[in-house]
């Protein structure tokens, strides 16, 4: 968690673009400005802005499970 916090601080402070790959739904929601849902290497859904703010980790997990089916 500490490494993610440090990386997040550097990204925000220096206004960098950063790609984070995670299977932790809560981290994706907490740290991502835009979430890309991939299935076999293809983007099947983009979530950002107001829509992202209305997601929970559980709802995101359900979406990912549906995309994999």
PDB file of N, CA and C in Angstrom:
ATOM      1  N   UNK A   1       0.830  -1.196   0.000  1.00  0.00           N
ATOM      2  CA  UNK A   1       0.000   0.000   0.000  1.00  0.00           C
ATOM      3  C   UNK A   1       0.877   1.264   0.000  1.00  0.00           C
ATOM      4  N   UNK A   2       1.970   1.197   0.729  1.00  0.00           N
ATOM      5  CA  UNK A   2       2.867   2.352   0.818  1.00  0.00           C
ATOM      6  C   UNK A   2       3.481   2.687  -0.546  1.00  0.00           C
ATOM      7  N   UNK A   3       3.852   1.683  -1.318  1.00  0.00           N
ATOM      8  CA  UNK A   3       4.423   1.917  -2.648  1.00  0.00           C
ATOM      9  C   UNK A   3       3.390   2.603  -3.549  1.00  0.00           C
ATOM     10  N   UNK A   4       2.145   2.143  -3.483  1.00  0.00           N
ATOM     11  CA  UNK A   4       1.089   2.750  -4.296  1.00  0.00           C
ATOM     12  C   UNK A   4       0.871   4.194  -3.890  1.00  0.00           C
ATOM     13  N   UNK A   5       0.878   4.479  -2.599  1.00  0.00           N
ATOM     14  CA  UNK A   5       0.696   5.853  -2.118  1.00  0.00           C
ATOM     15  C   UNK A   5       1.819   6.764  -2.603  1.00  0.00           C
ATOM     16  N   UNK A   6       3.051   6.273  -2.556  1.00  0.00           N
ATOM     17  CA  UNK A   6       4.199   7.069  -3.024  1.00  0.00           C
ATOM     18  C   UNK A   6       4.092   7.315  -4.525  1.00  0.00           C
ATOM     19  N   UNK A   7       3.791   6.262  -5.276  1.00  0.00           N
ATOM     20  CA  UNK A   7       3.641   6.410  -6.730  1.00  0.00           C
ATOM     21  C   UNK A   7       2.521   7.388  -7.058  1.00  0.00           C
ATOM     22  N   UNK A   8       1.406   7.279  -6.364  1.00  0.00           N
ATOM     23  CA  UNK A   8       0.274   8.183  -6.587  1.00  0.00           C
ATOM     24  C   UNK A   8       0.668   9.639  -6.305  1.00  0.00           C
ATOM     25  N   UNK A   9       1.425   9.850  -5.256  1.00  0.00           N
ATOM     26  CA  UNK A   9       1.883  11.205  -4.916  1.00  0.00           C
ATOM     27  C   UNK A   9       2.764  11.777  -6.040  1.00  0.00           C
ATOM     28  N   UNK A  10       3.700  10.971  -6.529  1.00  0.00           N
ATOM     29  CA  UNK A  10       4.596  11.423  -7.598  1.00  0.00           C
ATOM     30  C   UNK A  10       3.808  11.717  -8.875  1.00  0.00           C
ATOM     31  N   UNK A  11       2.891  10.836  -9.232  1.00  0.00           N
ATOM     32  CA  UNK A  11       2.084  11.020 -10.444  1.00  0.00           C
ATOM     33  C   UNK A  11       1.279  12.306 -10.360  1.00  0.00           C
ATOM     34  N   UNK A  12       0.613  12.526  -9.229  1.00  0.00           N
ATOM     35  CA  UNK A  12      -0.214  13.731  -9.060  1.00  0.00           C
ATOM     36  C   UNK A  12       0.645  15.001  -9.017  1.00  0.00           C
ATOM     37  N   UNK A  13       1.734  14.945  -8.276  1.00  0.00           N
ATOM     38  CA  UNK A  13       2.591  16.119  -8.108  1.00  0.00           C
ATOM     39  C   UNK A  13       3.222  16.550  -9.425  1.00  0.00           C
ATOM     40  N   UNK A  14       3.676  15.586 -10.219  1.00  0.00           N
ATOM     41  CA  UNK A  14       4.376  15.905 -11.461  1.00  0.00           C
ATOM     42  C   UNK A  14       3.457  15.831 -12.684  1.00  0.00           C
ATOM     43  N   UNK A  15       2.160  15.596 -12.447  1.00  0.00           N
ATOM     44  CA  UNK A  15       1.168  15.537 -13.516  1.00  0.00           C
ATOM     45  C   UNK A  15       1.582  14.562 -14.618  1.00  0.00           C
ATOM     46  N   UNK A  16       1.919  13.353 -14.190  1.00  0.00           N
ATOM     47  CA  UNK A  16       2.360  12.305 -15.106  1.00  0.00           C
ATOM     48  C   UNK A  16       1.189  11.417 -15.509  1.00  0.00           C
ATOM     49  N   UNK A  17       1.342  10.769 -16.628  1.00  0.00           N
ATOM     50  CA  UNK A  17       0.424   9.709 -17.019  1.00  0.00           C
ATOM     51  C   UNK A  17       1.030   8.406 -16.546  1.00  0.00           C
ATOM     52  N   UNK A  18       0.214   7.595 -15.917  1.00  0.00           N
ATOM     53  CA  UNK A  18       0.695   6.336 -15.361  1.00  0.00           C
ATOM     54  C   UNK A  18      -0.326   5.245 -15.661  1.00  0.00           C
ATOM     55  N   UNK A  19       0.153   4.097 -16.057  1.00  0.00           N
ATOM     56  CA  UNK A  19      -0.718   2.945 -16.272  1.00  0.00           C
ATOM     57  C   UNK A  19      -0.486   1.978 -15.120  1.00  0.00           C
ATOM     58  N   UNK A  20      -1.556   1.642 -14.428  1.00  0.00           N
ATOM     59  CA  UNK A  20      -1.490   0.688 -13.323  1.00  0.00           C
ATOM     60  C   UNK A  20      -2.332  -0.526 -13.702  1.00  0.00           C
ATOM     61  N   UNK A  21      -1.735  -1.675 -13.640  1.00  0.00           N
ATOM     62  CA  UNK A  21      -2.468  -2.910 -13.915  1.00  0.00           C
ATOM     63  C   UNK A  21      -2.698  -3.590 -12.579  1.00  0.00           C
ATOM     64  N   UNK A  22      -3.960  -3.865 -12.282  1.00  0.00           N
ATOM     65  CA  UNK A  22      -4.284  -4.466 -10.996  1.00  0.00           C
ATOM     66  C   UNK A  22      -5.504  -5.370 -11.106  1.00  0.00           C
ATOM     67  N   UNK A  23      -5.575  -6.303 -10.204  1.00  0.00           N
ATOM     68  CA  UNK A  23      -6.768  -7.128 -10.068  1.00  0.00           C
ATOM     69  C   UNK A  23      -7.519  -6.720  -8.805  1.00  0.00           C
ATOM     70  N   UNK A  24      -7.031  -5.683  -8.153  1.00  0.00           N
ATOM     71  CA  UNK A  24      -7.666  -5.179  -6.940  1.00  0.00           C
ATOM     72  C   UNK A  24      -8.655  -4.082  -7.344  1.00  0.00           C
ATOM     73  N   UNK A  25      -9.928  -4.412  -7.292  1.00  0.00           N
ATOM     74  CA  UNK A  25     -10.971  -3.492  -7.747  1.00  0.00           C
ATOM     75  C   UNK A  25     -10.971  -2.185  -6.952  1.00  0.00           C
ATOM     76  N   UNK A  26     -10.724  -2.274  -5.652  1.00  0.00           N
ATOM     77  CA  UNK A  26     -10.740  -1.062  -4.839  1.00  0.00           C
ATOM     78  C   UNK A  26      -9.588  -0.140  -5.199  1.00  0.00           C
ATOM     79  N   UNK A  27      -8.409  -0.709  -5.479  1.00  0.00           N
ATOM     80  CA  UNK A  27      -7.274   0.123  -5.909  1.00  0.00           C
ATOM     81  C   UNK A  27      -7.581   0.808  -7.232  1.00  0.00           C
ATOM     82  N   UNK A  28      -8.201   0.080  -8.157  1.00  0.00           N
ATOM     83  CA  UNK A  28      -8.565   0.677  -9.451  1.00  0.00           C
ATOM     84  C   UNK A  28      -9.470   1.877  -9.247  1.00  0.00           C
ATOM     85  N   UNK A  29     -10.444   1.737  -8.362  1.00  0.00           N
ATOM     86  CA  UNK A  29     -11.373   2.839  -8.102  1.00  0.00           C
ATOM     87  C   UNK A  29     -10.708   3.985  -7.343  1.00  0.00           C
ATOM     88  N   UNK A  30      -9.858   3.650  -6.390  1.00  0.00           N
ATOM     89  CA  UNK A  30      -9.226   4.680  -5.556  1.00  0.00           C
ATOM     90  C   UNK A  30      -8.177   5.491  -6.302  1.00  0.00           C
ATOM     91  N   UNK A  31      -7.422   4.836  -7.186  1.00  0.00           N
ATOM     92  CA  UNK A  31      -6.271   5.498  -7.793  1.00  0.00           C
ATOM     93  C   UNK A  31      -6.441   5.820  -9.273  1.00  0.00           C
ATOM     94  N   UNK A  32      -7.377   5.189  -9.932  1.00  0.00           N
ATOM     95  CA  UNK A  32      -7.503   5.398 -11.371  1.00  0.00           C
ATOM     96  C   UNK A  32      -8.421   6.555 -11.717  1.00  0.00           C
ATOM     97  N   UNK A  33      -8.009   7.352 -12.687  1.00  0.00           N
ATOM     98  CA  UNK A  33      -8.890   8.383 -13.242  1.00  0.00           C
ATOM     99  C   UNK A  33      -9.790   7.771 -14.301  1.00  0.00           C
ATOM    100  N   UNK A  34      -9.252   6.761 -14.980  1.00  0.00           N
ATOM    101  CA  UNK A  34      -9.988   6.058 -16.027  1.00  0.00           C
ATOM    102  C   UNK A  34      -9.695   4.575 -15.855  1.00  0.00           C
ATOM    103  N   UNK A  35     -10.739   3.758 -15.914  1.00  0.00           N
ATOM    104  CA  UNK A  35     -10.589   2.315 -15.794  1.00  0.00           C
ATOM    105  C   UNK A  35     -10.916   1.697 -17.141  1.00  0.00           C
ATOM    106  N   UNK A  36     -10.011   0.861 -17.614  1.00  0.00           N
ATOM    107  CA  UNK A  36     -10.236   0.134 -18.857  1.00  0.00           C
ATOM    108  C   UNK A  36     -10.442  -1.332 -18.506  1.00  0.00           C
ATOM    109  N   UNK A  37     -11.532  -1.892 -18.961  1.00  0.00           N
ATOM    110  CA  UNK A  37     -11.820  -3.312 -18.755  1.00  0.00           C
ATOM    111  C   UNK A  37     -11.381  -4.040 -20.011  1.00  0.00           C
ATOM    112  N   UNK A  38     -10.474  -5.002 -19.846  1.00  0.00           N
ATOM    113  CA  UNK A  38      -9.942  -5.743 -20.971  1.00  0.00           C
ATOM    114  C   UNK A  38     -10.452  -7.174 -20.960  1.00  0.00           C
ATOM    115  N   UNK A  39     -10.642  -7.728 -22.155  1.00  0.00           N
ATOM    116  CA  UNK A  39     -10.963  -9.134 -22.305  1.00  0.00           C
ATOM    117  C   UNK A  39     -10.144  -9.652 -23.481  1.00  0.00           C
ATOM    118  N   UNK A  40      -9.235 -10.568 -23.202  1.00  0.00           N
ATOM    119  CA  UNK A  40      -8.325 -11.096 -24.221  1.00  0.00           C
ATOM    120  C   UNK A  40      -7.580  -9.966 -24.925  1.00  0.00           C
ATOM    121  N   UNK A  41      -7.130  -8.979 -24.159  1.00  0.00           N
ATOM    122  CA  UNK A  41      -6.325  -7.887 -24.691  1.00  0.00           C
ATOM    123  C   UNK A  41      -7.080  -6.787 -25.398  1.00  0.00           C
ATOM    124  N   UNK A  42      -8.396  -6.892 -25.451  1.00  0.00           N
ATOM    125  CA  UNK A  42      -9.198  -5.857 -26.112  1.00  0.00           C
ATOM    126  C   UNK A  42     -10.019  -5.087 -25.082  1.00  0.00           C
ATOM    127  N   UNK A  43     -10.097  -3.772 -25.279  1.00  0.00           N
ATOM    128  CA  UNK A  43     -10.886  -2.939 -24.380  1.00  0.00           C
ATOM    129  C   UNK A  43     -12.365  -3.207 -24.644  1.00  0.00           C
ATOM    130  N   UNK A  44     -13.063  -3.647 -23.586  1.00  0.00           N
ATOM    131  CA  UNK A  44     -14.500  -3.902 -23.727  1.00  0.00           C
ATOM    132  C   UNK A  44     -15.335  -2.855 -22.993  1.00  0.00           C
ATOM    133  N   UNK A  45     -14.680  -2.045 -22.163  1.00  0.00           N
ATOM    134  CA  UNK A  45     -15.419  -0.992 -21.442  1.00  0.00           C
ATOM    135  C   UNK A  45     -14.442   0.019 -20.881  1.00  0.00           C
ATOM    136  N   UNK A  46     -14.809   1.288 -20.955  1.00  0.00           N
ATOM    137  CA  UNK A  46     -14.064   2.378 -20.311  1.00  0.00           C
ATOM    138  C   UNK A  46     -14.969   3.002 -19.266  1.00  0.00           C
ATOM    139  N   UNK A  47     -14.400   3.268 -18.111  1.00  0.00           N
ATOM    140  CA  UNK A  47     -15.177   3.870 -17.032  1.00  0.00           C
ATOM    141  C   UNK A  47     -14.375   5.053 -16.493  1.00  0.00           C
ATOM    142  N   UNK A  48     -14.998   6.215 -16.456  1.00  0.00           N
ATOM    143  CA  UNK A  48     -14.307   7.390 -15.925  1.00  0.00           C
ATOM    144  C   UNK A  48     -15.326   8.404 -15.432  1.00  0.00           C
ATOM    145  N   UNK A  49     -14.818   9.468 -14.871  1.00  0.00           N
ATOM    146  CA  UNK A  49     -15.648  10.586 -14.447  1.00  0.00           C
ATOM    147  C   UNK A  49     -16.763  10.202 -13.496  1.00  0.00           C
ATOM    148  N   UNK A  50     -17.931  10.755 -13.743  1.00  0.00           N
ATOM    149  CA  UNK A  50     -19.086  10.554 -12.864  1.00  0.00           C
ATOM    150  C   UNK A  50     -19.465   9.075 -12.774  1.00  0.00           C
ATOM    151  N   UNK A  51     -19.372   8.375 -13.898  1.00  0.00           N
ATOM    152  CA  UNK A  51     -19.709   6.951 -13.896  1.00  0.00           C
ATOM    153  C   UNK A  51     -18.803   6.184 -12.938  1.00  0.00           C
ATOM    154  N   UNK A  52     -17.505   6.468 -12.965  1.00  0.00           N
ATOM    155  CA  UNK A  52     -16.557   5.788 -12.079  1.00  0.00           C
ATOM    156  C   UNK A  52     -16.877   6.065 -10.623  1.00  0.00           C
ATOM    157  N   UNK A  53     -17.280   7.291 -10.337  1.00  0.00           N
ATOM    158  CA  UNK A  53     -17.584   7.665  -8.955  1.00  0.00           C
ATOM    159  C   UNK A  53     -18.773   6.906  -8.392  1.00  0.00           C
ATOM    160  N   UNK A  54     -19.639   6.388  -9.260  1.00  0.00           N
ATOM    161  CA  UNK A  54     -20.809   5.633  -8.815  1.00  0.00           C
ATOM    162  C   UNK A  54     -20.548   4.132  -8.719  1.00  0.00           C
ATOM    163  N   UNK A  55     -19.335   3.692  -9.060  1.00  0.00           N
ATOM    164  CA  UNK A  55     -19.014   2.274  -8.991  1.00  0.00           C
ATOM    165  C   UNK A  55     -18.522   1.904  -7.592  1.00  0.00           C
ATOM    166  N   UNK A  56     -18.792   0.659  -7.219  1.00  0.00           N
ATOM    167  CA  UNK A  56     -18.197   0.062  -6.029  1.00  0.00           C
ATOM    168  C   UNK A  56     -17.275  -1.050  -6.506  1.00  0.00           C
ATOM    169  N   UNK A  57     -16.422  -1.532  -5.628  1.00  0.00           N
ATOM    170  CA  UNK A  57     -15.536  -2.633  -5.987  1.00  0.00           C
ATOM    171  C   UNK A  57     -16.357  -3.859  -6.392  1.00  0.00           C
ATOM    172  N   UNK A  58     -17.454  -4.088  -5.700  1.00  0.00           N
ATOM    173  CA  UNK A  58     -18.308  -5.239  -6.014  1.00  0.00           C
ATOM    174  C   UNK A  58     -18.944  -5.098  -7.399  1.00  0.00           C
ATOM    175  N   UNK A  59     -19.431  -3.911  -7.714  1.00  0.00           N
ATOM    176  CA  UNK A  59     -20.053  -3.673  -9.026  1.00  0.00           C
ATOM    177  C   UNK A  59     -19.020  -3.817 -10.144  1.00  0.00           C
ATOM    178  N   UNK A  60     -17.812  -3.357  -9.908  1.00  0.00           N
ATOM    179  CA  UNK A  60     -16.745  -3.486 -10.892  1.00  0.00           C
ATOM    180  C   UNK A  60     -16.376  -4.946 -11.087  1.00  0.00           C
ATOM    181  N   UNK A  61     -16.318  -5.722 -10.015  1.00  0.00           N
ATOM    182  CA  UNK A  61     -16.022  -7.148 -10.113  1.00  0.00           C
ATOM    183  C   UNK A  61     -17.071  -7.881 -10.930  1.00  0.00           C
ATOM    184  N   UNK A  62     -18.344  -7.534 -10.740  1.00  0.00           N
ATOM    185  CA  UNK A  62     -19.429  -8.141 -11.516  1.00  0.00           C
ATOM    186  C   UNK A  62     -19.272  -7.806 -12.998  1.00  0.00           C
ATOM    187  N   UNK A  63     -18.934  -6.564 -13.292  1.00  0.00           N
ATOM    188  CA  UNK A  63     -18.716  -6.139 -14.686  1.00  0.00           C
ATOM    189  C   UNK A  63     -17.567  -6.921 -15.314  1.00  0.00           C
ATOM    190  N   UNK A  64     -16.479  -7.095 -14.584  1.00  0.00           N
ATOM    191  CA  UNK A  64     -15.339  -7.836 -15.103  1.00  0.00           C
ATOM    192  C   UNK A  64     -15.688  -9.309 -15.332  1.00  0.00           C
ATOM    193  N   UNK A  65     -16.426  -9.876 -14.414  1.00  0.00           N
ATOM    194  CA  UNK A  65     -16.834 -11.268 -14.557  1.00  0.00           C
ATOM    195  C   UNK A  65     -17.716 -11.435 -15.803  1.00  0.00           C
ATOM    196  N   UNK A  66     -18.619 -10.496 -16.011  1.00  0.00           N
ATOM    197  CA  UNK A  66     -19.510 -10.558 -17.185  1.00  0.00           C
ATOM    198  C   UNK A  66     -18.704 -10.400 -18.479  1.00  0.00           C
ATOM    199  N   UNK A  67     -17.678  -9.548 -18.459  1.00  0.00           N
ATOM    200  CA  UNK A  67     -16.867  -9.329 -19.657  1.00  0.00           C
ATOM    201  C   UNK A  67     -16.067 -10.579 -20.008  1.00  0.00           C
ATOM    202  N   UNK A  68     -15.714 -11.356 -19.006  1.00  0.00           N
ATOM    203  CA  UNK A  68     -14.912 -12.560 -19.226  1.00  0.00           C
ATOM    204  C   UNK A  68     -15.771 -13.739 -19.690  1.00  0.00           C
ATOM    205  N   UNK A  69     -17.073 -13.635 -19.527  1.00  0.00           N
ATOM    206  CA  UNK A  69     -17.957 -14.770 -19.884  1.00  0.00           C
ATOM    207  C   UNK A  69     -18.179 -14.870 -21.363  1.00  0.00           C
TER     208      UNK A  69
END
